[in-house]
Amino acid sequence: MAKTSKPLVVEHLENISRKALEKYQPIIKEYVKGKKGVYALYKGDRLKYVGLAGNLRGRLSSHLRDRHADSWDKFSVYLTEDDEHLRELEALVIRISKPKSNIQRGKFAKSENLLTRFKSDIAKQQRDELDEIIGTDKAKNATKGPATSGIKDTAAKKGDKSTKTGPQLAPYVQQRFKITCEHKEYIYEAKVLANGMIRLDGKLFESPSKAAMEITKASRMNGWKFWKYRNDKGEWVYIEELRNKKTKSKNKSRLKKSTLAPYVNERFRIRADYKGQRHWAVVRKDGTINYNGEIFTSPSYAGKAATGNATQGPLFWKFKNKQGEWVPLKELMK
């Protein structure tokens, strides 16, 4: 005989008036007595709050007089005999419906957030499509010949006027990175390629100003003070800083002294959990860290990019050791 699966929800009561709970409380309390489940509070047809309770009887009564007392006029309850996945069920409902009265966001116990991988896969597919359209050799040849000669001095003296010598960002680029800008309350993103070209919506531009003019439709723009990039500290700053000799010198020095360089001889993945979300990154052979398509020279800088706050990178990020255990990067650096 085939095994019958055990149901998650065994009893439920939906869209019941608050007045019914007040007037017939003994009856409803008997239904939920000693049972666990998920309940929802509504104002009209709008969901206001979702809760999980091991003692539904007490929780429903308390909502008649607590901080939610005046925010709902109907309720529903879903009773279960098995609470193995009950907390994740509550989290799922909260994340989908986002009730305004729920302060805490629902958290999953062991779910990988695929957003970082999704962005990486999209970027890879777009690179492959671009190579197929314009040809890999053509992209490489963009930096040959006089492309890098005299660009820095010309750009510094003449602002951001278009030149015939090639991509203006070429002298400042060592790997691909993302740039962003804000125009008329919209955020735009573009990619600076390894050859210094800027890719925006499938089009290639030699200068920041031309890429900016594509967005603003203005006849003249100073793209160096329009686009921003994330520096080694995880801060979004104008790409004008790339032309600063002192800043350029610091960035080169930091790249040579990546924190993990003495401990790394092969690529491997690292991960970190923050506020219910799992972040993934890759430590490269030179010790730098690739997080979300951007390169960082220390775990702390990568941690700040992931959280928006200062972090102790060696403790924040974890790697899988030879025993298959996820342990802090600090263990690798001993």
Protein backbone atom coordinates (compact mmCIF):
# COMPACT_ATOMS: atom_id res chain seq x y z
CA MET A 1 0.00 0.00 0.00
CA ALA A 2 1.31 3.43 -0.93
CA LYS A 3 2.35 5.60 1.97
CA THR A 4 0.00 8.56 2.57
CA SER A 5 1.81 11.86 3.15
CA LYS A 6 0.96 13.75 6.30
CA PRO A 7 -0.81 17.08 5.65
CA LEU A 8 0.73 20.33 6.89
CA VAL A 9 -2.58 22.11 7.58
CA VAL A 10 -5.21 19.95 9.30
CA GLU A 11 -7.83 22.60 10.19
CA HIS A 12 -8.45 26.20 9.24
CA LEU A 13 -10.83 29.07 9.90
CA GLU A 14 -10.77 31.97 7.43
CA ASN A 15 -11.97 35.57 7.25
CA ILE A 16 -13.71 35.60 10.61
CA SER A 17 -14.91 38.90 12.05
CA ARG A 18 -13.14 40.35 15.05
CA LYS A 19 -16.56 40.70 16.67
CA ALA A 20 -16.99 36.93 16.44
CA LEU A 21 -13.75 36.45 18.38
CA GLU A 22 -14.96 38.88 21.03
CA LYS A 23 -18.48 37.43 21.31
CA TYR A 24 -17.78 33.71 20.81
CA GLN A 25 -14.28 33.57 22.22
CA PRO A 26 -14.85 30.39 24.28
CA ILE A 27 -15.85 28.43 21.16
CA ILE A 28 -12.90 29.61 19.08
CA LYS A 29 -10.51 29.08 21.96
CA GLU A 30 -11.68 25.47 22.19
CA TYR A 31 -10.90 24.95 18.50
CA VAL A 32 -7.31 26.19 18.86
CA LYS A 33 -6.63 24.97 22.40
CA GLY A 34 -3.17 23.38 22.66
CA LYS A 35 -2.59 23.63 18.91
CA LYS A 36 0.08 25.31 16.83
CA GLY A 37 -0.24 27.18 13.59
CA VAL A 38 -0.09 30.37 11.58
CA TYR A 39 -2.60 33.18 11.87
CA ALA A 40 -3.27 36.35 9.87
CA LEU A 41 -4.90 39.67 10.79
CA TYR A 42 -6.73 41.74 8.16
CA LYS A 43 -8.16 45.24 7.83
CA GLY A 44 -10.92 44.74 5.32
CA ASP A 45 -9.28 42.74 2.53
CA ARG A 46 -5.77 44.01 3.29
CA LEU A 47 -3.36 41.75 5.15
CA LYS A 48 -1.89 43.60 8.16
CA TYR A 49 0.03 40.99 10.16
CA VAL A 50 1.15 37.35 10.01
CA GLY A 51 2.15 35.45 13.12
CA LEU A 52 3.34 32.04 14.30
CA ALA A 53 2.14 30.69 17.63
CA GLY A 54 2.67 27.59 19.70
CA ASN A 55 -0.27 28.82 21.78
CA LEU A 56 -2.83 30.23 19.36
CA ARG A 57 -5.40 30.58 22.10
CA GLY A 58 -3.32 33.11 23.99
CA ARG A 59 -2.03 35.00 20.94
CA LEU A 60 -5.45 35.64 19.42
CA SER A 61 -6.75 36.97 22.72
CA SER A 62 -3.74 39.24 23.19
CA HIS A 63 -4.25 40.89 19.80
CA LEU A 64 -7.57 42.27 21.05
CA ARG A 65 -5.63 44.67 23.31
CA ASP A 66 -1.95 44.87 22.21
CA ARG A 67 -0.31 47.27 19.70
CA HIS A 68 -2.23 45.61 16.84
CA ALA A 69 -5.59 46.03 18.58
CA ASP A 70 -6.88 48.86 16.38
CA SER A 71 -5.34 47.70 13.10
CA TRP A 72 -7.51 44.68 12.21
CA ASP A 73 -11.15 43.65 11.92
CA LYS A 74 -10.88 40.07 10.51
CA PHE A 75 -8.63 37.10 11.13
CA SER A 76 -7.78 33.62 9.81
CA VAL A 77 -6.09 30.67 11.51
CA TYR A 78 -4.38 27.61 10.01
CA LEU A 79 -3.80 24.72 12.43
CA THR A 80 -1.17 22.02 12.11
CA GLU A 81 -0.13 18.91 13.98
CA ASP A 82 3.44 18.95 12.64
CA ASP A 83 5.55 22.05 13.31
CA GLU A 84 8.69 20.88 11.45
CA HIS A 85 8.33 23.48 8.69
CA LEU A 86 5.97 25.86 10.42
CA ARG A 87 8.48 28.66 11.01
CA GLU A 88 9.59 28.61 7.38
CA LEU A 89 5.95 28.64 6.29
CA GLU A 90 5.46 31.80 8.32
CA ALA A 91 8.61 33.31 6.77
CA LEU A 92 7.41 32.45 3.27
CA VAL A 93 4.04 34.17 3.82
CA ILE A 94 5.71 37.26 5.30
CA ARG A 95 8.22 37.58 2.43
CA ILE A 96 5.50 37.21 -0.21
CA SER A 97 2.83 39.45 1.32
CA LYS A 98 5.09 41.92 3.25
CA PRO A 99 2.52 42.97 5.87
CA LYS A 100 3.24 46.50 7.15
CA SER A 101 2.80 45.55 10.80
CA ASN A 102 5.45 42.79 10.71
CA ILE A 103 8.67 44.40 11.94
CA GLN A 104 10.89 41.38 11.31
CA ARG A 105 11.41 40.08 7.77
CA GLY A 106 10.85 36.35 7.35
CA LYS A 107 14.04 34.27 7.47
CA PHE A 108 14.76 30.91 5.86
CA ALA A 109 16.97 28.45 7.73
CA LYS A 110 19.04 27.02 4.86
CA SER A 111 17.99 28.70 1.63
CA GLU A 112 20.63 30.06 -0.79
CA ASN A 113 19.82 33.46 -2.26
CA LEU A 114 20.31 32.97 -6.01
CA LEU A 115 20.45 36.70 -6.80
CA THR A 116 24.26 36.93 -6.88
CA ARG A 117 24.56 33.81 -9.07
CA PHE A 118 21.74 35.10 -11.30
CA LYS A 119 23.53 38.44 -11.86
CA SER A 120 26.79 36.62 -12.62
CA ASP A 121 25.12 34.26 -15.12
CA ILE A 122 23.38 37.18 -16.85
CA ALA A 123 26.68 39.08 -17.11
CA LYS A 124 28.41 36.02 -18.57
CA GLN A 125 25.68 35.52 -21.17
CA GLN A 126 25.81 39.21 -22.13
CA ARG A 127 29.61 39.01 -22.54
CA ASP A 128 29.24 35.95 -24.77
CA GLU A 129 26.58 37.72 -26.83
CA LEU A 130 28.79 40.79 -27.22
CA ASP A 131 31.78 38.68 -28.30
CA GLU A 132 29.57 36.95 -30.87
CA ILE A 133 28.27 40.27 -32.23
CA ILE A 134 31.48 42.32 -32.46
CA GLY A 135 34.10 39.56 -32.28
CA THR A 136 36.66 38.96 -29.55
CA ASP A 137 39.59 40.15 -31.69
CA LYS A 138 37.86 43.43 -32.42
CA ALA A 139 37.38 44.12 -28.71
CA LYS A 140 41.07 43.36 -28.04
CA ASN A 141 42.29 45.51 -30.92
CA ALA A 142 40.49 48.52 -29.44
CA THR A 143 43.44 49.02 -27.06
CA LYS A 144 46.26 48.54 -29.64
CA GLY A 145 48.32 51.24 -31.36
CA PRO A 146 48.04 54.77 -30.00
CA ALA A 147 44.98 53.96 -27.85
CA THR A 148 46.76 54.50 -24.53
CA SER A 149 49.24 57.19 -25.54
CA GLY A 150 48.69 60.65 -24.09
CA ILE A 151 45.12 59.97 -22.94
CA LYS A 152 45.65 60.82 -19.32
CA ASP A 153 47.26 64.23 -19.94
CA THR A 154 44.77 65.18 -22.63
CA ALA A 155 41.79 64.20 -20.50
CA ALA A 156 43.11 66.09 -17.50
CA LYS A 157 43.71 69.28 -19.51
CA LYS A 158 40.61 69.27 -21.69
CA GLY A 159 38.01 67.84 -19.34
CA ASP A 160 36.16 65.01 -21.05
CA LYS A 161 36.30 65.94 -24.72
CA SER A 162 36.17 63.00 -27.07
CA THR A 163 39.56 61.87 -28.40
CA LYS A 164 40.63 59.85 -31.41
CA THR A 165 43.22 57.90 -29.45
CA GLY A 166 40.86 55.25 -28.05
CA PRO A 167 38.99 54.58 -24.80
CA GLN A 168 39.64 57.36 -22.26
CA LEU A 169 39.42 54.97 -19.31
CA ALA A 170 42.05 52.59 -20.72
CA PRO A 171 44.95 53.88 -18.56
CA TYR A 172 42.96 53.35 -15.37
CA VAL A 173 41.47 49.91 -15.99
CA GLN A 174 42.95 46.60 -14.85
CA GLN A 175 39.74 44.57 -14.78
CA ARG A 176 36.06 45.02 -15.59
CA PHE A 177 33.98 47.04 -13.15
CA LYS A 178 30.53 48.55 -12.84
CA ILE A 179 29.65 52.26 -12.97
CA THR A 180 26.33 53.87 -12.10
CA CYS A 181 24.62 57.24 -12.39
CA GLU A 182 21.35 58.88 -11.42
CA HIS A 183 19.29 60.93 -13.86
CA LYS A 184 15.74 62.18 -13.34
CA GLU A 185 15.19 59.83 -10.35
CA TYR A 186 16.31 56.76 -12.34
CA ILE A 187 19.45 54.71 -11.66
CA TYR A 188 21.46 53.59 -14.70
CA GLU A 189 24.24 50.98 -14.78
CA ALA A 190 27.04 50.39 -17.28
CA LYS A 191 30.18 48.25 -17.48
CA VAL A 192 33.73 49.44 -18.00
CA LEU A 193 35.45 46.68 -19.97
CA ALA A 194 39.07 45.60 -19.55
CA ASN A 195 40.05 47.66 -22.62
CA GLY A 196 38.50 50.86 -21.18
CA MET A 197 35.39 50.85 -23.36
CA ILE A 198 32.05 51.54 -21.67
CA ARG A 199 29.17 49.19 -22.44
CA LEU A 200 25.70 50.69 -21.92
CA ASP A 201 22.56 48.87 -23.08
CA GLY A 202 24.56 46.83 -25.60
CA LYS A 203 26.31 49.89 -27.07
CA LEU A 204 30.03 50.70 -26.70
CA PHE A 205 31.40 54.17 -25.90
CA GLU A 206 35.00 55.41 -25.79
CA SER A 207 34.42 58.15 -23.22
CA PRO A 208 32.35 58.64 -20.03
CA SER A 209 30.83 61.78 -21.55
CA LYS A 210 29.50 60.02 -24.64
CA ALA A 211 27.93 57.36 -22.43
CA ALA A 212 26.41 60.10 -20.24
CA MET A 213 25.03 61.95 -23.29
CA GLU A 214 23.35 58.73 -24.41
CA ILE A 215 21.30 58.85 -21.21
CA THR A 216 20.69 62.60 -20.81
CA LYS A 217 20.42 63.42 -24.54
CA ALA A 218 22.41 66.58 -23.75
CA SER A 219 24.80 68.02 -26.35
CA ARG A 220 27.67 68.30 -23.84
CA MET A 221 28.42 66.45 -20.60
CA ASN A 222 31.33 65.93 -18.23
CA GLY A 223 31.03 62.18 -17.77
CA TRP A 224 33.85 62.07 -15.22
CA LYS A 225 31.58 63.87 -12.76
CA PHE A 226 28.43 62.05 -13.87
CA TRP A 227 29.35 58.37 -13.44
CA LYS A 228 30.35 56.75 -10.16
CA TYR A 229 32.29 53.57 -9.38
CA ARG A 230 32.91 51.65 -6.18
CA ASN A 231 36.46 52.12 -4.87
CA ASP A 232 38.50 49.66 -2.81
CA LYS A 233 36.79 50.88 0.36
CA GLY A 234 33.36 49.98 -1.03
CA GLU A 235 32.38 53.65 -1.45
CA TRP A 236 30.60 54.97 -4.55
CA VAL A 237 32.65 57.94 -5.86
CA TYR A 238 32.88 59.85 -9.14
CA ILE A 239 35.20 58.28 -11.72
CA GLU A 240 37.00 61.63 -11.72
CA GLU A 241 39.03 60.10 -8.88
CA LEU A 242 40.51 57.59 -11.34
CA ARG A 243 42.42 60.45 -12.96
CA ASN A 244 43.96 61.52 -9.68
CA LYS A 245 47.62 60.37 -9.65
CA LYS A 246 47.65 59.85 -5.92
CA THR A 247 44.49 57.73 -5.96
CA LYS A 248 45.78 55.72 -8.93
CA SER A 249 49.06 55.05 -7.11
CA LYS A 250 47.22 53.89 -3.97
CA ASN A 251 44.98 51.56 -5.94
CA LYS A 252 47.98 49.93 -7.67
CA SER A 253 49.73 49.47 -4.32
CA ARG A 254 46.66 47.86 -2.77
CA LEU A 255 46.25 45.44 -5.65
CA LYS A 256 49.84 44.23 -5.13
CA LYS A 257 49.21 43.74 -1.41
CA SER A 258 45.92 41.85 -1.32
CA THR A 259 45.27 40.58 2.19
CA LEU A 260 44.81 36.94 1.20
CA ALA A 261 47.68 36.73 -1.33
CA PRO A 262 50.14 34.94 1.04
CA TYR A 263 47.59 32.22 1.81
CA VAL A 264 46.14 31.49 -1.65
CA ASN A 265 47.35 29.38 -4.58
CA GLU A 266 44.02 28.45 -6.21
CA ARG A 267 40.50 29.79 -6.70
CA PHE A 268 37.80 28.87 -4.19
CA ARG A 269 34.36 30.05 -3.12
CA ILE A 270 33.52 31.84 0.13
CA ARG A 271 30.17 32.73 1.63
CA ALA A 272 28.65 34.87 4.38
CA ASP A 273 25.20 35.15 5.98
CA TYR A 274 23.83 38.59 6.81
CA LYS A 275 20.27 39.47 7.89
CA GLY A 276 18.83 36.25 6.53
CA GLN A 277 20.59 36.54 3.17
CA ARG A 278 23.50 34.42 1.97
CA HIS A 279 26.25 36.14 -0.03
CA TRP A 280 28.72 34.25 -2.26
CA ALA A 281 32.09 35.39 -3.58
CA VAL A 282 35.21 33.91 -5.21
CA VAL A 283 38.76 34.24 -3.93
CA ARG A 284 41.06 34.40 -6.96
CA LYS A 285 44.60 33.03 -7.29
CA ASP A 286 46.13 36.47 -6.60
CA GLY A 287 44.20 36.75 -3.32
CA THR A 288 41.70 39.34 -4.55
CA ILE A 289 37.99 38.70 -4.04
CA ASN A 290 35.36 38.76 -6.79
CA TYR A 291 32.02 39.72 -5.25
CA ASN A 292 29.09 40.39 -7.55
CA GLY A 293 31.41 41.08 -10.49
CA GLU A 294 33.60 43.58 -8.60
CA ILE A 295 37.15 43.01 -7.34
CA PHE A 296 38.23 43.71 -3.75
CA THR A 297 41.65 43.42 -2.18
CA SER A 298 40.53 42.41 1.31
CA PRO A 299 37.72 40.39 2.92
CA SER A 300 36.68 43.50 4.88
CA TYR A 301 36.18 45.62 1.74
CA ALA A 302 34.14 42.81 0.16
CA GLY A 303 32.15 42.47 3.39
CA LYS A 304 31.32 46.18 3.37
CA ALA A 305 30.13 45.89 -0.23
CA ALA A 306 27.81 43.02 0.77
CA THR A 307 26.37 44.61 3.93
CA GLY A 308 26.81 48.33 3.48
CA ASN A 309 28.56 48.38 6.87
CA ALA A 310 32.09 47.90 8.14
CA THR A 311 32.85 44.22 8.79
CA GLN A 312 35.67 42.10 10.15
CA GLY A 313 36.16 40.32 6.83
CA PRO A 314 38.20 37.33 8.07
CA LEU A 315 35.38 36.51 10.52
CA PHE A 316 32.49 37.55 8.24
CA TRP A 317 33.41 35.32 5.28
CA LYS A 318 33.70 31.53 5.50
CA PHE A 319 35.40 28.90 3.31
CA LYS A 320 35.12 25.12 3.15
CA ASN A 321 38.15 23.43 4.70
CA LYS A 322 39.55 19.99 3.84
CA GLN A 323 37.09 18.39 6.28
CA GLY A 324 34.18 19.89 4.32
CA GLU A 325 33.32 22.35 7.11
CA TRP A 326 32.51 26.03 6.51
CA VAL A 327 34.87 27.96 8.79
CA PRO A 328 35.91 31.65 9.01
CA LEU A 329 38.65 32.85 6.63
CA LYS A 330 40.66 33.67 9.73
CA GLU A 331 41.44 29.94 9.96
CA LEU A 332 43.10 30.13 6.53
CA MET A 333 45.20 33.11 7.58
CA LYS A 334 46.72 31.51 10.68
